[in-house]
Amino acid sequence: MRKIVLVVFVISIMIVIGFVTFLGVETQRENRNLSIGNVDFKNLKDGTYIGEYDGYAGPLKLRAKELQVTVSSGKVIEIQIIEQGQHAAVSEGSMDELINLVITLQSLDVDTITGATVTSKTYLRAVEDALLKAQKK
C-alpha cells in the first residue's frame, strides 16, 4: 500500500513539473513572438472598439484579453478591461498604470510593467487590435 501511495505521489509530482515546464516554455515563446505594431494615433475614428488577444498556450488561452477602447475627438479616452482570461496574476493596479500610460501618451510605445512583460504585451496587443479597427480609411 505504501508503494502505491509513493508511486502515485511521484507521478503527481512529475505531472506538475511537466506542466510548469510547459508553461515556462510557452511564456518564453510568447514573449519572443509577441510584438506590438505601430498604430497611427492621429488617424482614429470616434467610437467604441473591442480589441482581443487570444492568448498563446493553445487551448488554455492563459493570457487571453478582451478590452473596450473608446475614441473621442480622435483620441483614446478610455480603455476598459472586459475579459482577462485565466491568467490574471498581475495586480489590476499595474495594468491600470499601463492603460493610463497608453491614454496619456496616445501611444502603444510604452514601458511594460516590470515582472509582467508578457502580460503587459498581451494588453497592448488587445489595444492594438481595437485601434486597428478604429483607423480611418
Protein backbone atom coordinates (compact mmCIF):
# COMPACT_ATOMS: atom_id res chain seq x y z
CA MET A 1 0.00 0.00 0.00
CA ARG A 2 2.83 2.40 0.84
CA LYS A 3 4.45 1.66 -2.52
CA ILE A 4 1.25 2.56 -4.38
CA VAL A 5 0.93 5.84 -2.49
CA LEU A 6 4.59 6.61 -3.18
CA VAL A 7 4.21 5.83 -6.90
CA VAL A 8 1.08 7.98 -7.17
CA PHE A 9 2.88 10.80 -5.34
CA VAL A 10 5.94 10.61 -7.61
CA ILE A 11 3.76 10.53 -10.75
CA SER A 12 1.78 13.53 -9.49
CA ILE A 13 4.99 15.49 -8.86
CA MET A 14 6.24 14.62 -12.35
CA ILE A 15 2.99 15.83 -13.91
CA VAL A 16 3.18 19.12 -12.01
CA ILE A 17 6.82 19.65 -13.02
CA GLY A 18 5.95 18.87 -16.64
CA PHE A 19 3.07 21.34 -16.64
CA VAL A 20 5.16 24.11 -15.05
CA THR A 21 7.92 23.47 -17.59
CA PHE A 22 5.37 23.62 -20.42
CA LEU A 23 4.09 26.97 -19.17
CA GLY A 24 7.63 28.34 -18.87
CA VAL A 25 8.48 27.32 -22.43
CA GLU A 26 5.20 28.75 -23.74
CA THR A 27 5.80 32.02 -21.89
CA GLN A 28 9.27 32.37 -23.43
CA ARG A 29 7.90 31.59 -26.89
CA GLU A 30 5.05 34.05 -26.44
CA ASN A 31 7.45 36.79 -25.33
CA ARG A 32 9.66 36.25 -28.38
CA ASN A 33 6.75 36.23 -30.83
CA LEU A 34 4.61 38.96 -29.30
CA SER A 35 5.38 42.27 -30.96
CA ILE A 36 3.31 45.41 -30.84
CA GLY A 37 2.70 47.21 -34.13
CA ASN A 38 2.88 50.90 -34.81
CA VAL A 39 -0.67 52.26 -34.74
CA ASP A 40 -1.28 55.78 -36.05
CA PHE A 41 -2.97 57.51 -33.12
CA LYS A 42 -3.56 60.59 -35.29
CA ASN A 43 -5.84 58.64 -37.63
CA LEU A 44 -8.57 57.31 -35.32
CA LYS A 45 -12.33 57.40 -35.92
CA ASP A 46 -14.53 58.20 -32.95
CA GLY A 47 -16.37 55.24 -31.49
CA THR A 48 -16.06 52.26 -29.21
CA TYR A 49 -14.00 49.30 -30.37
CA ILE A 50 -13.38 45.84 -28.98
CA GLY A 51 -9.83 44.55 -29.05
CA GLU A 52 -8.83 40.97 -28.39
CA TYR A 53 -5.74 38.91 -27.85
CA ASP A 54 -6.38 35.17 -27.91
CA GLY A 55 -3.57 34.03 -25.66
CA TYR A 56 -0.86 31.65 -26.64
CA ALA A 57 -0.78 28.40 -24.67
CA GLY A 58 -3.02 26.53 -27.08
CA PRO A 59 -6.50 25.76 -25.80
CA LEU A 60 -5.56 27.03 -22.32
CA LYS A 61 -5.57 30.65 -23.56
CA LEU A 62 -3.84 31.67 -20.36
CA ARG A 63 -3.36 35.29 -21.28
CA ALA A 64 -6.44 35.94 -23.39
CA LYS A 65 -7.61 39.53 -23.18
CA GLU A 66 -10.64 41.46 -24.35
CA LEU A 67 -10.70 45.23 -23.99
CA GLN A 68 -13.04 48.02 -24.96
CA VAL A 69 -11.34 51.14 -26.29
CA THR A 70 -13.23 54.43 -26.63
CA VAL A 71 -12.06 57.09 -29.07
CA SER A 72 -13.47 60.62 -28.91
CA SER A 73 -12.29 63.66 -30.90
CA GLY A 74 -9.71 61.38 -32.47
CA LYS A 75 -8.10 60.45 -29.13
CA VAL A 76 -8.19 57.36 -26.96
CA ILE A 77 -10.06 58.48 -23.86
CA GLU A 78 -10.89 55.20 -22.13
CA ILE A 79 -9.77 51.59 -22.09
CA GLN A 80 -11.86 49.09 -20.14
CA ILE A 81 -10.94 45.50 -19.39
CA ILE A 82 -13.80 43.20 -20.40
CA GLU A 83 -12.06 39.83 -20.00
CA GLN A 84 -8.66 38.95 -18.58
CA GLY A 85 -8.53 35.27 -19.43
CA GLN A 86 -7.47 32.62 -16.97
CA HIS A 87 -4.14 34.16 -16.07
CA ALA A 88 -4.74 37.33 -14.10
CA ALA A 89 -1.93 37.02 -11.55
CA VAL A 90 -0.72 40.57 -12.13
CA SER A 91 -2.40 43.17 -9.98
CA GLU A 92 -5.10 45.27 -11.60
CA GLY A 93 -3.28 48.38 -10.39
CA SER A 94 -0.26 47.52 -12.51
CA MET A 95 -2.35 47.08 -15.64
CA ASP A 96 -4.28 50.26 -14.85
CA GLU A 97 -0.90 52.03 -14.82
CA LEU A 98 -0.10 50.57 -18.25
CA ILE A 99 -3.50 51.56 -19.64
CA ASN A 100 -3.17 55.08 -18.25
CA LEU A 101 0.22 55.42 -19.97
CA VAL A 102 -1.33 54.46 -23.31
CA ILE A 103 -4.08 57.05 -22.83
CA THR A 104 -1.74 59.79 -21.59
CA LEU A 105 0.93 59.28 -24.25
CA GLN A 106 -1.54 58.33 -27.03
CA SER A 107 0.90 55.59 -27.96
CA LEU A 108 1.48 51.86 -27.64
CA ASP A 109 5.20 52.56 -27.31
CA VAL A 110 5.15 52.46 -23.51
CA ASP A 111 7.29 50.65 -20.96
CA THR A 112 5.92 47.29 -19.89
CA ILE A 113 5.32 46.51 -16.23
CA THR A 114 8.44 45.09 -14.56
CA GLY A 115 7.95 41.41 -13.84
CA ALA A 116 4.92 41.26 -16.12
CA THR A 117 6.42 41.87 -19.55
CA VAL A 118 4.41 39.24 -21.40
CA THR A 119 1.16 40.11 -19.67
CA SER A 120 1.75 43.81 -20.44
CA LYS A 121 2.32 42.97 -24.09
CA THR A 122 -0.93 41.00 -24.23
CA TYR A 123 -2.87 44.06 -23.02
CA LEU A 124 -1.06 46.24 -25.56
CA ARG A 125 -1.81 43.73 -28.32
CA ALA A 126 -5.52 43.82 -27.45
CA VAL A 127 -5.46 47.64 -27.53
CA GLU A 128 -3.65 47.47 -30.87
CA ASP A 129 -6.38 45.17 -32.23
CA ALA A 130 -9.08 47.68 -31.22
CA LEU A 131 -7.18 50.65 -32.65
CA LEU A 132 -6.62 48.94 -35.97
CA LYS A 133 -10.41 48.72 -36.23
CA ALA A 134 -10.59 52.44 -35.41
CA GLN A 135 -8.25 53.55 -38.20
CA LYS A 136 -9.73 55.96 -40.75
CA LYS A 137 -9.56 54.54 -44.24
